PDB file of N, CA and C in Angstrom:
ATOM      1  N   MET A   1     -27.729 -19.070 -20.741  1.00  0.00           N
ATOM      2  CA  MET A   1     -26.397 -19.204 -20.210  1.00  0.00           C
ATOM      3  C   MET A   1     -25.932 -17.911 -19.579  1.00  0.00           C
ATOM      4  N   LEU A   2     -26.568 -16.815 -19.916  1.00  0.00           N
ATOM      5  CA  LEU A   2     -26.180 -15.547 -19.301  1.00  0.00           C
ATOM      6  C   LEU A   2     -26.786 -15.374 -17.910  1.00  0.00           C
ATOM      7  N   GLU A   3     -27.846 -16.108 -17.616  1.00  0.00           N
ATOM      8  CA  GLU A   3     -28.536 -15.974 -16.332  1.00  0.00           C
ATOM      9  C   GLU A   3     -28.359 -17.183 -15.418  1.00  0.00           C
ATOM     10  N   ALA A   4     -27.871 -18.287 -15.934  1.00  0.00           N
ATOM     11  CA  ALA A   4     -27.786 -19.522 -15.158  1.00  0.00           C
ATOM     12  C   ALA A   4     -26.774 -19.394 -14.017  1.00  0.00           C
ATOM     13  N   PRO A   5     -26.961 -20.192 -12.969  1.00  0.00           N
ATOM     14  CA  PRO A   5     -25.972 -20.197 -11.895  1.00  0.00           C
ATOM     15  C   PRO A   5     -24.597 -20.593 -12.443  1.00  0.00           C
ATOM     16  N   ALA A   6     -23.580 -19.897 -11.983  1.00  0.00           N
ATOM     17  CA  ALA A   6     -22.215 -20.160 -12.458  1.00  0.00           C
ATOM     18  C   ALA A   6     -21.229 -19.540 -11.490  1.00  0.00           C
ATOM     19  N   ARG A   7     -19.956 -19.647 -11.783  1.00  0.00           N
ATOM     20  CA  ARG A   7     -18.919 -19.034 -10.944  1.00  0.00           C
ATOM     21  C   ARG A   7     -18.954 -17.512 -11.058  1.00  0.00           C
ATOM     22  N   THR A   8     -19.235 -17.016 -12.259  1.00  0.00           N
ATOM     23  CA  THR A   8     -19.297 -15.568 -12.484  1.00  0.00           C
ATOM     24  C   THR A   8     -20.732 -15.091 -12.329  1.00  0.00           C
ATOM     25  N   THR A   9     -20.887 -13.814 -12.103  1.00  0.00           N
ATOM     26  CA  THR A   9     -22.229 -13.252 -11.932  1.00  0.00           C
ATOM     27  C   THR A   9     -22.919 -13.089 -13.287  1.00  0.00           C
ATOM     28  N   PRO A  10     -24.242 -13.126 -13.282  1.00  0.00           N
ATOM     29  CA  PRO A  10     -24.960 -12.846 -14.526  1.00  0.00           C
ATOM     30  C   PRO A  10     -24.593 -11.473 -15.100  1.00  0.00           C
ATOM     31  N   ALA A  11     -24.384 -10.490 -14.242  1.00  0.00           N
ATOM     32  CA  ALA A  11     -24.032  -9.150 -14.722  1.00  0.00           C
ATOM     33  C   ALA A  11     -22.707  -9.167 -15.482  1.00  0.00           C
ATOM     34  N   LEU A  12     -21.736  -9.912 -14.979  1.00  0.00           N
ATOM     35  CA  LEU A  12     -20.447 -10.000 -15.678  1.00  0.00           C
ATOM     36  C   LEU A  12     -20.611 -10.717 -17.011  1.00  0.00           C
ATOM     37  N   ARG A  13     -21.377 -11.794 -17.031  1.00  0.00           N
ATOM     38  CA  ARG A  13     -21.569 -12.530 -18.284  1.00  0.00           C
ATOM     39  C   ARG A  13     -22.342 -11.706 -19.302  1.00  0.00           C
ATOM     40  N   GLN A  14     -23.312 -10.929 -18.837  1.00  0.00           N
ATOM     41  CA  GLN A  14     -24.040 -10.052 -19.754  1.00  0.00           C
ATOM     42  C   GLN A  14     -23.124  -8.956 -20.303  1.00  0.00           C
ATOM     43  N   ALA A  15     -22.259  -8.426 -19.456  1.00  0.00           N
ATOM     44  CA  ALA A  15     -21.293  -7.425 -19.927  1.00  0.00           C
ATOM     45  C   ALA A  15     -20.346  -8.046 -20.945  1.00  0.00           C
ATOM     46  N   ALA A  16     -19.906  -9.268 -20.678  1.00  0.00           N
ATOM     47  CA  ALA A  16     -19.023  -9.955 -21.624  1.00  0.00           C
ATOM     48  C   ALA A  16     -19.732 -10.181 -22.951  1.00  0.00           C
ATOM     49  N   ALA A  17     -21.000 -10.541 -22.897  1.00  0.00           N
ATOM     50  CA  ALA A  17     -21.764 -10.760 -24.128  1.00  0.00           C
ATOM     51  C   ALA A  17     -21.842  -9.489 -24.957  1.00  0.00           C
ATOM     52  N   ALA A  18     -21.828  -8.350 -24.285  1.00  0.00           N
ATOM     53  CA  ALA A  18     -21.851  -7.058 -24.981  1.00  0.00           C
ATOM     54  C   ALA A  18     -20.452  -6.585 -25.355  1.00  0.00           C
ATOM     55  N   GLY A  19     -19.425  -7.333 -24.937  1.00  0.00           N
ATOM     56  CA  GLY A  19     -18.050  -6.971 -25.255  1.00  0.00           C
ATOM     57  C   GLY A  19     -17.437  -5.993 -24.280  1.00  0.00           C
ATOM     58  N   ASP A  20     -18.025  -5.899 -23.092  1.00  0.00           N
ATOM     59  CA  ASP A  20     -17.584  -4.907 -22.122  1.00  0.00           C
ATOM     60  C   ASP A  20     -17.221  -5.566 -20.793  1.00  0.00           C
ATOM     61  N   ALA A  21     -16.205  -6.413 -20.810  1.00  0.00           N
ATOM     62  CA  ALA A  21     -15.764  -7.060 -19.575  1.00  0.00           C
ATOM     63  C   ALA A  21     -14.265  -7.294 -19.624  1.00  0.00           C
ATOM     64  N   TRP A  22     -13.647  -7.116 -18.471  1.00  0.00           N
ATOM     65  CA  TRP A  22     -12.222  -7.378 -18.306  1.00  0.00           C
ATOM     66  C   TRP A  22     -11.397  -6.613 -19.332  1.00  0.00           C
ATOM     67  N   ASP A  23     -11.479  -5.321 -19.237  1.00  0.00           N
ATOM     68  CA  ASP A  23     -10.777  -4.434 -20.172  1.00  0.00           C
ATOM     69  C   ASP A  23     -11.194  -4.779 -21.596  1.00  0.00           C
ATOM     70  N   ALA A  24     -10.252  -5.103 -22.436  1.00  0.00           N
ATOM     71  CA  ALA A  24     -10.573  -5.368 -23.842  1.00  0.00           C
ATOM     72  C   ALA A  24     -10.753  -6.859 -24.130  1.00  0.00           C
ATOM     73  N   TYR A  25     -10.648  -7.716 -23.113  1.00  0.00           N
ATOM     74  CA  TYR A  25     -10.696  -9.154 -23.360  1.00  0.00           C
ATOM     75  C   TYR A  25     -11.982  -9.584 -24.063  1.00  0.00           C
ATOM     76  N   ALA A  26     -13.133  -9.244 -23.496  1.00  0.00           N
ATOM     77  CA  ALA A  26     -14.402  -9.687 -24.080  1.00  0.00           C
ATOM     78  C   ALA A  26     -14.597  -9.123 -25.482  1.00  0.00           C
ATOM     79  N   ALA A  27     -14.218  -7.881 -25.680  1.00  0.00           N
ATOM     80  CA  ALA A  27     -14.340  -7.273 -27.017  1.00  0.00           C
ATOM     81  C   ALA A  27     -13.449  -7.993 -28.014  1.00  0.00           C
ATOM     82  N   THR A  28     -12.258  -8.376 -27.576  1.00  0.00           N
ATOM     83  CA  THR A  28     -11.348  -9.091 -28.474  1.00  0.00           C
ATOM     84  C   THR A  28     -11.886 -10.470 -28.804  1.00  0.00           C
ATOM     85  N   VAL A  29     -12.450 -11.157 -27.827  1.00  0.00           N
ATOM     86  CA  VAL A  29     -13.069 -12.462 -28.093  1.00  0.00           C
ATOM     87  C   VAL A  29     -14.163 -12.294 -29.142  1.00  0.00           C
ATOM     88  N   ARG A  30     -14.955 -11.241 -29.019  1.00  0.00           N
ATOM     89  CA  ARG A  30     -16.077 -11.018 -29.944  1.00  0.00           C
ATOM     90  C   ARG A  30     -15.632 -10.669 -31.354  1.00  0.00           C
ATOM     91  N   THR A  31     -14.549  -9.924 -31.499  1.00  0.00           N
ATOM     92  CA  THR A  31     -14.218  -9.371 -32.820  1.00  0.00           C
ATOM     93  C   THR A  31     -12.922  -9.893 -33.435  1.00  0.00           C
ATOM     94  N   ALA A  32     -11.987 -10.339 -32.614  1.00  0.00           N
ATOM     95  CA  ALA A  32     -10.690 -10.747 -33.157  1.00  0.00           C
ATOM     96  C   ALA A  32     -10.022 -11.763 -32.238  1.00  0.00           C
ATOM     97  N   SER A  33     -10.712 -12.838 -31.962  1.00  0.00           N
ATOM     98  CA  SER A  33     -10.185 -13.822 -31.007  1.00  0.00           C
ATOM     99  C   SER A  33      -8.836 -14.393 -31.440  1.00  0.00           C
ATOM    100  N   TYR A  34      -8.573 -14.387 -32.718  1.00  0.00           N
ATOM    101  CA  TYR A  34      -7.289 -14.893 -33.216  1.00  0.00           C
ATOM    102  C   TYR A  34      -6.117 -14.062 -32.704  1.00  0.00           C
ATOM    103  N   ARG A  35      -6.379 -12.882 -32.206  1.00  0.00           N
ATOM    104  CA  ARG A  35      -5.306 -12.028 -31.677  1.00  0.00           C
ATOM    105  C   ARG A  35      -4.933 -12.341 -30.239  1.00  0.00           C
ATOM    106  N   LEU A  36      -5.735 -13.120 -29.555  1.00  0.00           N
ATOM    107  CA  LEU A  36      -5.429 -13.465 -28.170  1.00  0.00           C
ATOM    108  C   LEU A  36      -4.246 -14.420 -28.119  1.00  0.00           C
ATOM    109  N   THR A  37      -3.373 -14.178 -27.175  1.00  0.00           N
ATOM    110  CA  THR A  37      -2.156 -14.980 -27.057  1.00  0.00           C
ATOM    111  C   THR A  37      -2.125 -15.717 -25.723  1.00  0.00           C
ATOM    112  N   ASP A  38      -1.176 -16.614 -25.602  1.00  0.00           N
ATOM    113  CA  ASP A  38      -0.964 -17.304 -24.333  1.00  0.00           C
ATOM    114  C   ASP A  38      -0.642 -16.302 -23.231  1.00  0.00           C
ATOM    115  N   ASP A  39       0.076 -15.250 -23.560  1.00  0.00           N
ATOM    116  CA  ASP A  39       0.397 -14.219 -22.566  1.00  0.00           C
ATOM    117  C   ASP A  39      -0.867 -13.530 -22.065  1.00  0.00           C
ATOM    118  N   ASP A  40      -1.817 -13.259 -22.955  1.00  0.00           N
ATOM    119  CA  ASP A  40      -3.090 -12.654 -22.545  1.00  0.00           C
ATOM    120  C   ASP A  40      -3.796 -13.543 -21.528  1.00  0.00           C
ATOM    121  N   LEU A  41      -3.838 -14.819 -21.816  1.00  0.00           N
ATOM    122  CA  LEU A  41      -4.507 -15.749 -20.911  1.00  0.00           C
ATOM    123  C   LEU A  41      -3.732 -15.922 -19.609  1.00  0.00           C
ATOM    124  N   ALA A  42      -2.426 -15.888 -19.682  1.00  0.00           N
ATOM    125  CA  ALA A  42      -1.622 -15.975 -18.462  1.00  0.00           C
ATOM    126  C   ALA A  42      -1.900 -14.781 -17.550  1.00  0.00           C
ATOM    127  N   ARG A  43      -2.065 -13.606 -18.132  1.00  0.00           N
ATOM    128  CA  ARG A  43      -2.407 -12.422 -17.323  1.00  0.00           C
ATOM    129  C   ARG A  43      -3.776 -12.592 -16.668  1.00  0.00           C
ATOM    130  N   LEU A  44      -4.729 -13.132 -17.405  1.00  0.00           N
ATOM    131  CA  LEU A  44      -6.051 -13.358 -16.833  1.00  0.00           C
ATOM    132  C   LEU A  44      -5.991 -14.364 -15.688  1.00  0.00           C
ATOM    133  N   ARG A  45      -5.159 -15.378 -15.830  1.00  0.00           N
ATOM    134  CA  ARG A  45      -5.048 -16.420 -14.800  1.00  0.00           C
ATOM    135  C   ARG A  45      -4.481 -15.880 -13.488  1.00  0.00           C
ATOM    136  N   GLN A  46      -3.842 -14.743 -13.524  1.00  0.00           N
ATOM    137  CA  GLN A  46      -3.320 -14.144 -12.295  1.00  0.00           C
ATOM    138  C   GLN A  46      -4.454 -13.699 -11.374  1.00  0.00           C
ATOM    139  N   ASP A  47      -5.576 -13.309 -11.948  1.00  0.00           N
ATOM    140  CA  ASP A  47      -6.691 -12.772 -11.162  1.00  0.00           C
ATOM    141  C   ASP A  47      -7.976 -13.585 -11.236  1.00  0.00           C
ATOM    142  N   HIS A  48      -8.045 -14.557 -12.158  1.00  0.00           N
ATOM    143  CA  HIS A  48      -9.289 -15.288 -12.387  1.00  0.00           C
ATOM    144  C   HIS A  48      -9.014 -16.778 -12.502  1.00  0.00           C
ATOM    145  N   THR A  49     -10.029 -17.563 -12.139  1.00  0.00           N
ATOM    146  CA  THR A  49      -9.909 -19.015 -12.266  1.00  0.00           C
ATOM    147  C   THR A  49     -10.165 -19.435 -13.721  1.00  0.00           C
ATOM    148  N   GLU A  50      -9.801 -20.669 -14.012  1.00  0.00           N
ATOM    149  CA  GLU A  50     -10.075 -21.218 -15.346  1.00  0.00           C
ATOM    150  C   GLU A  50     -11.576 -21.203 -15.634  1.00  0.00           C
ATOM    151  N   ASP A  51     -12.382 -21.537 -14.637  1.00  0.00           N
ATOM    152  CA  ASP A  51     -13.835 -21.523 -14.823  1.00  0.00           C
ATOM    153  C   ASP A  51     -14.333 -20.124 -15.159  1.00  0.00           C
ATOM    154  N   GLU A  52     -13.845 -19.116 -14.463  1.00  0.00           N
ATOM    155  CA  GLU A  52     -14.267 -17.738 -14.733  1.00  0.00           C
ATOM    156  C   GLU A  52     -13.859 -17.306 -16.139  1.00  0.00           C
ATOM    157  N   ILE A  53     -12.637 -17.639 -16.529  1.00  0.00           N
ATOM    158  CA  ILE A  53     -12.167 -17.289 -17.872  1.00  0.00           C
ATOM    159  C   ILE A  53     -13.033 -17.983 -18.920  1.00  0.00           C
ATOM    160  N   PHE A  54     -13.325 -19.243 -18.702  1.00  0.00           N
ATOM    161  CA  PHE A  54     -14.173 -19.995 -19.633  1.00  0.00           C
ATOM    162  C   PHE A  54     -15.547 -19.350 -19.750  1.00  0.00           C
ATOM    163  N   GLU A  55     -16.167 -19.036 -18.622  1.00  0.00           N
ATOM    164  CA  GLU A  55     -17.515 -18.468 -18.650  1.00  0.00           C
ATOM    165  C   GLU A  55     -17.558 -17.119 -19.357  1.00  0.00           C
ATOM    166  N   VAL A  56     -16.582 -16.279 -19.107  1.00  0.00           N
ATOM    167  CA  VAL A  56     -16.548 -14.967 -19.762  1.00  0.00           C
ATOM    168  C   VAL A  56     -16.281 -15.137 -21.256  1.00  0.00           C
ATOM    169  N   THR A  57     -15.419 -16.068 -21.609  1.00  0.00           N
ATOM    170  CA  THR A  57     -15.118 -16.332 -23.020  1.00  0.00           C
ATOM    171  C   THR A  57     -16.363 -16.833 -23.746  1.00  0.00           C
ATOM    172  N   VAL A  58     -17.065 -17.780 -23.144  1.00  0.00           N
ATOM    173  CA  VAL A  58     -18.281 -18.312 -23.766  1.00  0.00           C
ATOM    174  C   VAL A  58     -19.336 -17.220 -23.876  1.00  0.00           C
ATOM    175  N   ALA A  59     -19.501 -16.413 -22.835  1.00  0.00           N
ATOM    176  CA  ALA A  59     -20.497 -15.338 -22.877  1.00  0.00           C
ATOM    177  C   ALA A  59     -20.184 -14.350 -23.992  1.00  0.00           C
ATOM    178  N   ALA A  60     -18.922 -13.984 -24.150  1.00  0.00           N
ATOM    179  CA  ALA A  60     -18.537 -13.064 -25.222  1.00  0.00           C
ATOM    180  C   ALA A  60     -18.805 -13.693 -26.588  1.00  0.00           C
ATOM    181  N   SER A  61     -18.509 -14.976 -26.723  1.00  0.00           N
ATOM    182  CA  SER A  61     -18.746 -15.679 -27.983  1.00  0.00           C
ATOM    183  C   SER A  61     -20.234 -15.773 -28.298  1.00  0.00           C
ATOM    184  N   VAL A  62     -21.029 -16.091 -27.305  1.00  0.00           N
ATOM    185  CA  VAL A  62     -22.478 -16.170 -27.500  1.00  0.00           C
ATOM    186  C   VAL A  62     -23.037 -14.794 -27.862  1.00  0.00           C
ATOM    187  N   GLY A  63     -22.547 -13.753 -27.203  1.00  0.00           N
ATOM    188  CA  GLY A  63     -22.996 -12.401 -27.531  1.00  0.00           C
ATOM    189  C   GLY A  63     -22.718 -12.058 -28.986  1.00  0.00           C
ATOM    190  N   ALA A  64     -21.530 -12.402 -29.460  1.00  0.00           N
ATOM    191  CA  ALA A  64     -21.191 -12.143 -30.860  1.00  0.00           C
ATOM    192  C   ALA A  64     -22.089 -12.959 -31.792  1.00  0.00           C
ATOM    193  N   ALA A  65     -22.312 -14.219 -31.451  1.00  0.00           N
ATOM    194  CA  ALA A  65     -23.162 -15.077 -32.291  1.00  0.00           C
ATOM    195  C   ALA A  65     -24.591 -14.540 -32.353  1.00  0.00           C
ATOM    196  N   LEU A  66     -25.113 -14.110 -31.222  1.00  0.00           N
ATOM    197  CA  LEU A  66     -26.470 -13.557 -31.212  1.00  0.00           C
ATOM    198  C   LEU A  66     -26.553 -12.275 -32.030  1.00  0.00           C
ATOM    199  N   ASP A  67     -25.538 -11.432 -31.934  1.00  0.00           N
ATOM    200  CA  ASP A  67     -25.516 -10.218 -32.750  1.00  0.00           C
ATOM    201  C   ASP A  67     -25.501 -10.549 -34.236  1.00  0.00           C
ATOM    202  N   HIS A  68     -24.689 -11.531 -34.622  1.00  0.00           N
ATOM    203  CA  HIS A  68     -24.618 -11.930 -36.029  1.00  0.00           C
ATOM    204  C   HIS A  68     -25.950 -12.530 -36.485  1.00  0.00           C
ATOM    205  N   HIS A  69     -26.565 -13.308 -35.630  1.00  0.00           N
ATOM    206  CA  HIS A  69     -27.868 -13.890 -35.943  1.00  0.00           C
ATOM    207  C   HIS A  69     -28.900 -12.788 -36.165  1.00  0.00           C
ATOM    208  N   ASP A  70     -28.934 -11.842 -35.254  1.00  0.00           N
ATOM    209  CA  ASP A  70     -29.899 -10.738 -35.384  1.00  0.00           C
ATOM    210  C   ASP A  70     -29.650  -9.928 -36.649  1.00  0.00           C
ATOM    211  N   GLU A  71     -28.401  -9.674 -36.952  1.00  0.00           N
ATOM    212  CA  GLU A  71     -28.060  -8.921 -38.164  1.00  0.00           C
ATOM    213  C   GLU A  71     -28.481  -9.697 -39.410  1.00  0.00           C
ATOM    214  N   GLY A  72     -28.257 -10.987 -39.410  1.00  0.00           N
ATOM    215  CA  GLY A  72     -28.681 -11.814 -40.539  1.00  0.00           C
ATOM    216  C   GLY A  72     -30.191 -11.792 -40.734  1.00  0.00           C
ATOM    217  N   ARG A  73     -30.924 -11.881 -39.649  1.00  0.00           N
ATOM    218  CA  ARG A  73     -32.390 -11.820 -39.747  1.00  0.00           C
ATOM    219  C   ARG A  73     -32.842 -10.472 -40.270  1.00  0.00           C
ATOM    220  N   ARG A  74     -32.200  -9.386 -39.804  1.00  0.00           N
ATOM    221  CA  ARG A  74     -32.560  -8.062 -40.314  1.00  0.00           C
ATOM    222  C   ARG A  74     -32.287  -7.975 -41.817  1.00  0.00           C
ATOM    223  N   ASN A  75     -31.174  -8.540 -42.241  1.00  0.00           N
ATOM    224  CA  ASN A  75     -30.835  -8.512 -43.664  1.00  0.00           C
ATOM    225  C   ASN A  75     -31.818  -9.330 -44.506  1.00  0.00           C
ATOM    226  N   LEU A  76     -32.412 -10.314 -43.894  1.00  0.00           N
ATOM    227  CA  LEU A  76     -33.414 -11.125 -44.600  1.00  0.00           C
ATOM    228  C   LEU A  76     -34.812 -10.501 -44.530  1.00  0.00           C
ATOM    229  N   GLY A  77     -34.928  -9.432 -43.792  1.00  0.00           N
ATOM    230  CA  GLY A  77     -36.210  -8.744 -43.704  1.00  0.00           C
ATOM    231  C   GLY A  77     -37.115  -9.281 -42.616  1.00  0.00           C
ATOM    232  N   ASP A  78     -36.584 -10.034 -41.675  1.00  0.00           N
ATOM    233  CA  ASP A  78     -37.411 -10.567 -40.571  1.00  0.00           C
ATOM    234  C   ASP A  78     -37.577  -9.535 -39.486  1.00  0.00           C
TER     235      ASP A  78
END
C-alpha cells in the first residue's frame, strides 16, 4: 500500500508511515490518534483532498502497526 498507485506519492506515504508527514499529523496518527480533532481535519481539508487525507492516515496507521509487529517479534526472539 505504500508503493501502489494512488492520489499521493509513494514518498509521501512512506514518510507518513514513518510518522514524518504533514507537520505532526502523521506522528499523531501513529502515537495518539485520539488527540486529533475535527478542527485538525478541517485544517487539512483546506490544502488536501479527502482521498489524500485518507491515504496519509492509512499509511501512518500501517507504519505504526508494522512497527508494533516488528517489536513484538523481537520480544519473542524472532
